[in-house]
Amino acid sequence: MEKLTMSVQEMAQIMGISKPKAYKLTHIHDFPAIRVGRKIIIPVESFQRWLKRAAGDNENTEKPL
């Protein structure tokens, strides 16, 4: 079974950014972060959709290489 969520540290590693920058992302209005007490978790599928939107990726539009 695949994980449904990831930690901020895991997200930072995936994105290749520092942990402090990853925590800053979790404070952006439309970023898919869930706070459980003091812990922040990120739903994997929501994060992937957010990342595509943030990159300006549109599934109906092909981008030239």
PDB file of N, CA and C in Angstrom:
ATOM      1  N   MET A   1       0.842  -1.186   0.000  1.00  0.00           N
ATOM      2  CA  MET A   1       0.000   0.000   0.000  1.00  0.00           C
ATOM      3  C   MET A   1       0.884   1.245   0.000  1.00  0.00           C
ATOM      4  N   GLU A   2       0.592   2.158  -0.913  1.00  0.00           N
ATOM      5  CA  GLU A   2       1.348   3.401  -0.985  1.00  0.00           C
ATOM      6  C   GLU A   2       0.903   4.357   0.110  1.00  0.00           C
ATOM      7  N   LYS A   3       1.858   5.210   0.533  1.00  0.00           N
ATOM      8  CA  LYS A   3       1.530   6.212   1.535  1.00  0.00           C
ATOM      9  C   LYS A   3       0.586   7.253   0.950  1.00  0.00           C
ATOM     10  N   LEU A   4      -0.380   7.674   1.724  1.00  0.00           N
ATOM     11  CA  LEU A   4      -1.320   8.700   1.286  1.00  0.00           C
ATOM     12  C   LEU A   4      -0.822  10.099   1.614  1.00  0.00           C
ATOM     13  N   THR A   5       0.043  10.193   2.610  1.00  0.00           N
ATOM     14  CA  THR A   5       0.561  11.496   3.023  1.00  0.00           C
ATOM     15  C   THR A   5       2.077  11.437   3.159  1.00  0.00           C
ATOM     16  N   MET A   6       2.666  12.631   3.231  1.00  0.00           N
ATOM     17  CA  MET A   6       4.104  12.725   3.480  1.00  0.00           C
ATOM     18  C   MET A   6       4.359  13.849   4.471  1.00  0.00           C
ATOM     19  N   SER A   7       5.522  13.800   5.079  1.00  0.00           N
ATOM     20  CA  SER A   7       5.912  14.843   6.033  1.00  0.00           C
ATOM     21  C   SER A   7       6.511  16.021   5.271  1.00  0.00           C
ATOM     22  N   VAL A   8       6.696  17.124   5.954  1.00  0.00           N
ATOM     23  CA  VAL A   8       7.330  18.294   5.354  1.00  0.00           C
ATOM     24  C   VAL A   8       8.769  17.950   4.967  1.00  0.00           C
ATOM     25  N   GLN A   9       9.444  17.179   5.780  1.00  0.00           N
ATOM     26  CA  GLN A   9      10.818  16.780   5.481  1.00  0.00           C
ATOM     27  C   GLN A   9      10.871  15.929   4.203  1.00  0.00           C
ATOM     28  N   GLU A  10       9.928  15.003   4.047  1.00  0.00           N
ATOM     29  CA  GLU A  10       9.878  14.191   2.833  1.00  0.00           C
ATOM     30  C   GLU A  10       9.606  15.066   1.608  1.00  0.00           C
ATOM     31  N   MET A  11       8.698  16.036   1.752  1.00  0.00           N
ATOM     32  CA  MET A  11       8.392  16.936   0.652  1.00  0.00           C
ATOM     33  C   MET A  11       9.629  17.740   0.264  1.00  0.00           C
ATOM     34  N   ALA A  12      10.376  18.219   1.254  1.00  0.00           N
ATOM     35  CA  ALA A  12      11.592  18.993   0.987  1.00  0.00           C
ATOM     36  C   ALA A  12      12.579  18.153   0.186  1.00  0.00           C
ATOM     37  N   GLN A  13      12.737  16.900   0.562  1.00  0.00           N
ATOM     38  CA  GLN A  13      13.659  16.011  -0.157  1.00  0.00           C
ATOM     39  C   GLN A  13      13.192  15.780  -1.587  1.00  0.00           C
ATOM     40  N   ILE A  14      11.905  15.555  -1.779  1.00  0.00           N
ATOM     41  CA  ILE A  14      11.353  15.323  -3.112  1.00  0.00           C
ATOM     42  C   ILE A  14      11.563  16.538  -4.005  1.00  0.00           C
ATOM     43  N   MET A  15      11.353  17.733  -3.441  1.00  0.00           N
ATOM     44  CA  MET A  15      11.469  18.958  -4.220  1.00  0.00           C
ATOM     45  C   MET A  15      12.909  19.453  -4.337  1.00  0.00           C
ATOM     46  N   GLY A  16      13.793  18.930  -3.498  1.00  0.00           N
ATOM     47  CA  GLY A  16      15.179  19.380  -3.527  1.00  0.00           C
ATOM     48  C   GLY A  16      15.359  20.760  -2.929  1.00  0.00           C
ATOM     49  N   ILE A  17      14.565  21.054  -1.899  1.00  0.00           N
ATOM     50  CA  ILE A  17      14.658  22.343  -1.217  1.00  0.00           C
ATOM     51  C   ILE A  17      14.951  22.120   0.264  1.00  0.00           C
ATOM     52  N   SER A  18      15.280  23.202   0.957  1.00  0.00           N
ATOM     53  CA  SER A  18      15.572  23.086   2.384  1.00  0.00           C
ATOM     54  C   SER A  18      14.279  22.887   3.175  1.00  0.00           C
ATOM     55  N   LYS A  19      14.434  22.363   4.370  1.00  0.00           N
ATOM     56  CA  LYS A  19      13.272  22.159   5.234  1.00  0.00           C
ATOM     57  C   LYS A  19      12.606  23.490   5.600  1.00  0.00           C
ATOM     58  N   PRO A  20      13.371  24.545   5.920  1.00  0.00           N
ATOM     59  CA  PRO A  20      12.707  25.830   6.206  1.00  0.00           C
ATOM     60  C   PRO A  20      11.884  26.354   5.025  1.00  0.00           C
ATOM     61  N   LYS A  21      12.387  26.193   3.798  1.00  0.00           N
ATOM     62  CA  LYS A  21      11.618  26.635   2.628  1.00  0.00           C
ATOM     63  C   LYS A  21      10.371  25.783   2.461  1.00  0.00           C
ATOM     64  N   ALA A  22      10.470  24.497   2.743  1.00  0.00           N
ATOM     65  CA  ALA A  22       9.303  23.613   2.655  1.00  0.00           C
ATOM     66  C   ALA A  22       8.239  24.039   3.667  1.00  0.00           C
ATOM     67  N   TYR A  23       8.661  24.386   4.874  1.00  0.00           N
ATOM     68  CA  TYR A  23       7.691  24.859   5.879  1.00  0.00           C
ATOM     69  C   TYR A  23       7.032  26.156   5.429  1.00  0.00           C
ATOM     70  N   LYS A  24       7.780  27.035   4.766  1.00  0.00           N
ATOM     71  CA  LYS A  24       7.188  28.278   4.250  1.00  0.00           C
ATOM     72  C   LYS A  24       6.101  27.968   3.228  1.00  0.00           C
ATOM     73  N   LEU A  25       6.344  26.962   2.385  1.00  0.00           N
ATOM     74  CA  LEU A  25       5.330  26.578   1.401  1.00  0.00           C
ATOM     75  C   LEU A  25       4.023  26.179   2.070  1.00  0.00           C
ATOM     76  N   THR A  26       4.101  25.525   3.219  1.00  0.00           N
ATOM     77  CA  THR A  26       2.879  25.057   3.884  1.00  0.00           C
ATOM     78  C   THR A  26       2.003  26.203   4.371  1.00  0.00           C
ATOM     79  N   HIS A  27       2.538  27.422   4.363  1.00  0.00           N
ATOM     80  CA  HIS A  27       1.764  28.585   4.785  1.00  0.00           C
ATOM     81  C   HIS A  27       1.114  29.323   3.615  1.00  0.00           C
ATOM     82  N   ILE A  28       1.381  28.873   2.385  1.00  0.00           N
ATOM     83  CA  ILE A  28       0.742  29.471   1.218  1.00  0.00           C
ATOM     84  C   ILE A  28      -0.738  29.074   1.237  1.00  0.00           C
ATOM     85  N   HIS A  29      -1.587  30.019   0.878  1.00  0.00           N
ATOM     86  CA  HIS A  29      -3.046  29.842   0.999  1.00  0.00           C
ATOM     87  C   HIS A  29      -3.566  28.553   0.361  1.00  0.00           C
ATOM     88  N   ASP A  30      -3.174  28.256  -0.880  1.00  0.00           N
ATOM     89  CA  ASP A  30      -3.762  27.097  -1.559  1.00  0.00           C
ATOM     90  C   ASP A  30      -2.903  25.836  -1.471  1.00  0.00           C
ATOM     91  N   PHE A  31      -1.866  25.852  -0.644  1.00  0.00           N
ATOM     92  CA  PHE A  31      -1.020  24.669  -0.512  1.00  0.00           C
ATOM     93  C   PHE A  31      -1.750  23.597   0.299  1.00  0.00           C
ATOM     94  N   PRO A  32      -1.711  22.328  -0.149  1.00  0.00           N
ATOM     95  CA  PRO A  32      -2.481  21.269   0.509  1.00  0.00           C
ATOM     96  C   PRO A  32      -1.802  20.685   1.758  1.00  0.00           C
ATOM     97  N   ALA A  33      -1.808  21.436   2.821  1.00  0.00           N
ATOM     98  CA  ALA A  33      -1.210  20.965   4.074  1.00  0.00           C
ATOM     99  C   ALA A  33      -2.301  20.776   5.115  1.00  0.00           C
ATOM    100  N   ILE A  34      -2.157  19.723   5.898  1.00  0.00           N
ATOM    101  CA  ILE A  34      -3.111  19.437   6.977  1.00  0.00           C
ATOM    102  C   ILE A  34      -2.350  19.494   8.285  1.00  0.00           C
ATOM    103  N   ARG A  35      -2.878  20.259   9.219  1.00  0.00           N
ATOM    104  CA  ARG A  35      -2.254  20.348  10.533  1.00  0.00           C
ATOM    105  C   ARG A  35      -2.977  19.425  11.503  1.00  0.00           C
ATOM    106  N   VAL A  36      -2.201  18.555  12.108  1.00  0.00           N
ATOM    107  CA  VAL A  36      -2.716  17.615  13.111  1.00  0.00           C
ATOM    108  C   VAL A  36      -1.937  17.919  14.377  1.00  0.00           C
ATOM    109  N   GLY A  37      -2.531  18.737  15.232  1.00  0.00           N
ATOM    110  CA  GLY A  37      -1.781  19.223  16.385  1.00  0.00           C
ATOM    111  C   GLY A  37      -0.646  20.098  15.880  1.00  0.00           C
ATOM    112  N   ARG A  38       0.577  19.767  16.250  1.00  0.00           N
ATOM    113  CA  ARG A  38       1.741  20.521  15.778  1.00  0.00           C
ATOM    114  C   ARG A  38       2.353  19.932  14.522  1.00  0.00           C
ATOM    115  N   LYS A  39       1.891  18.758  14.126  1.00  0.00           N
ATOM    116  CA  LYS A  39       2.448  18.074  12.957  1.00  0.00           C
ATOM    117  C   LYS A  39       1.745  18.548  11.684  1.00  0.00           C
ATOM    118  N   ILE A  40       2.518  18.672  10.621  1.00  0.00           N
ATOM    119  CA  ILE A  40       1.970  19.041   9.317  1.00  0.00           C
ATOM    120  C   ILE A  40       2.166  17.854   8.387  1.00  0.00           C
ATOM    121  N   ILE A  41       1.071  17.432   7.750  1.00  0.00           N
ATOM    122  CA  ILE A  41       1.158  16.352   6.768  1.00  0.00           C
ATOM    123  C   ILE A  41       0.621  16.863   5.433  1.00  0.00           C
ATOM    124  N   ILE A  42       1.128  16.285   4.358  1.00  0.00           N
ATOM    125  CA  ILE A  42       0.748  16.717   3.021  1.00  0.00           C
ATOM    126  C   ILE A  42       0.189  15.520   2.267  1.00  0.00           C
ATOM    127  N   PRO A  43      -1.069  15.590   1.818  1.00  0.00           N
ATOM    128  CA  PRO A  43      -1.625  14.504   1.004  1.00  0.00           C
ATOM    129  C   PRO A  43      -0.873  14.424  -0.327  1.00  0.00           C
ATOM    130  N   VAL A  44      -0.387  13.253  -0.677  1.00  0.00           N
ATOM    131  CA  VAL A  44       0.464  13.079  -1.850  1.00  0.00           C
ATOM    132  C   VAL A  44      -0.244  13.500  -3.137  1.00  0.00           C
ATOM    133  N   GLU A  45      -1.452  13.017  -3.364  1.00  0.00           N
ATOM    134  CA  GLU A  45      -2.164  13.346  -4.608  1.00  0.00           C
ATOM    135  C   GLU A  45      -2.458  14.840  -4.709  1.00  0.00           C
ATOM    136  N   SER A  46      -2.863  15.464  -3.620  1.00  0.00           N
ATOM    137  CA  SER A  46      -3.136  16.900  -3.629  1.00  0.00           C
ATOM    138  C   SER A  46      -1.863  17.691  -3.893  1.00  0.00           C
ATOM    139  N   PHE A  47      -0.754  17.237  -3.326  1.00  0.00           N
ATOM    140  CA  PHE A  47       0.530  17.899  -3.551  1.00  0.00           C
ATOM    141  C   PHE A  47       0.914  17.821  -5.021  1.00  0.00           C
ATOM    142  N   GLN A  48       0.746  16.657  -5.632  1.00  0.00           N
ATOM    143  CA  GLN A  48       1.091  16.496  -7.048  1.00  0.00           C
ATOM    144  C   GLN A  48       0.254  17.414  -7.928  1.00  0.00           C
ATOM    145  N   ARG A  49      -1.050  17.541  -7.640  1.00  0.00           N
ATOM    146  CA  ARG A  49      -1.912  18.459  -8.391  1.00  0.00           C
ATOM    147  C   ARG A  49      -1.467  19.903  -8.181  1.00  0.00           C
ATOM    148  N   TRP A  50      -1.170  20.264  -6.924  1.00  0.00           N
ATOM    149  CA  TRP A  50      -0.724  21.622  -6.615  1.00  0.00           C
ATOM    150  C   TRP A  50       0.572  21.945  -7.364  1.00  0.00           C
ATOM    151  N   LEU A  51       1.498  21.013  -7.386  1.00  0.00           N
ATOM    152  CA  LEU A  51       2.789  21.223  -8.037  1.00  0.00           C
ATOM    153  C   LEU A  51       2.606  21.459  -9.539  1.00  0.00           C
ATOM    154  N   LYS A  52       1.730  20.698 -10.175  1.00  0.00           N
ATOM    155  CA  LYS A  52       1.456  20.893 -11.602  1.00  0.00           C
ATOM    156  C   LYS A  52       0.837  22.265 -11.849  1.00  0.00           C
ATOM    157  N   ARG A  53      -0.114  22.663 -10.997  1.00  0.00           N
ATOM    158  CA  ARG A  53      -0.726  23.987 -11.152  1.00  0.00           C
ATOM    159  C   ARG A  53       0.306  25.087 -10.940  1.00  0.00           C
ATOM    160  N   ALA A  54       1.137  24.934  -9.925  1.00  0.00           N
ATOM    161  CA  ALA A  54       2.148  25.950  -9.610  1.00  0.00           C
ATOM    162  C   ALA A  54       3.168  26.075 -10.736  1.00  0.00           C
ATOM    163  N   ALA A  55       3.416  24.986 -11.442  1.00  0.00           N
ATOM    164  CA  ALA A  55       4.362  25.006 -12.558  1.00  0.00           C
ATOM    165  C   ALA A  55       3.698  25.506 -13.839  1.00  0.00           C
ATOM    166  N   GLY A  56       2.399  25.755 -13.774  1.00  0.00           N
ATOM    167  CA  GLY A  56       1.676  26.230 -14.948  1.00  0.00           C
ATOM    168  C   GLY A  56       1.398  25.126 -15.939  1.00  0.00           C
ATOM    169  N   ASP A  57       1.404  23.895 -15.472  1.00  0.00           N
ATOM    170  CA  ASP A  57       1.183  22.746 -16.337  1.00  0.00           C
ATOM    171  C   ASP A  57      -0.313  22.556 -16.549  1.00  0.00           C
ATOM    172  N   ASN A  58      -0.693  22.451 -17.790  1.00  0.00           N
ATOM    173  CA  ASN A  58      -2.086  22.217 -18.134  1.00  0.00           C
ATOM    174  C   ASN A  58      -2.146  20.912 -18.915  1.00  0.00           C
ATOM    175  N   GLU A  59      -2.933  19.970 -18.461  1.00  0.00           N
ATOM    176  CA  GLU A  59      -2.985  18.635 -19.089  1.00  0.00           C
ATOM    177  C   GLU A  59      -3.445  18.713 -20.537  1.00  0.00           C
ATOM    178  N   ASN A  60      -4.193  19.739 -20.918  1.00  0.00           N
ATOM    179  CA  ASN A  60      -4.702  19.847 -22.273  1.00  0.00           C
ATOM    180  C   ASN A  60      -3.741  20.551 -23.220  1.00  0.00           C
ATOM    181  N   THR A  61      -2.641  21.050 -22.708  1.00  0.00           N
ATOM    182  CA  THR A  61      -1.702  21.804 -23.512  1.00  0.00           C
ATOM    183  C   THR A  61      -0.356  21.107 -23.517  1.00  0.00           C
ATOM    184  N   GLU A  62       0.161  20.857 -24.710  1.00  0.00           N
ATOM    185  CA  GLU A  62       1.491  20.270 -24.807  1.00  0.00           C
ATOM    186  C   GLU A  62       2.509  21.390 -24.833  1.00  0.00           C
ATOM    187  N   LYS A  63       3.597  21.209 -24.071  1.00  0.00           N
ATOM    188  CA  LYS A  63       4.666  22.200 -24.052  1.00  0.00           C
ATOM    189  C   LYS A  63       5.811  21.692 -24.910  1.00  0.00           C
ATOM    190  N   PRO A  64       6.368  22.599 -25.735  1.00  0.00           N
ATOM    191  CA  PRO A  64       7.523  22.170 -26.523  1.00  0.00           C
ATOM    192  C   PRO A  64       8.730  21.929 -25.634  1.00  0.00           C
ATOM    193  N   LEU A  65       9.582  21.001 -26.060  1.00  0.00           N
ATOM    194  CA  LEU A  65      10.795  20.701 -25.308  1.00  0.00           C
ATOM    195  C   LEU A  65      11.867  21.701 -25.567  1.00  0.00           C
TER     196      LEU A  65
END
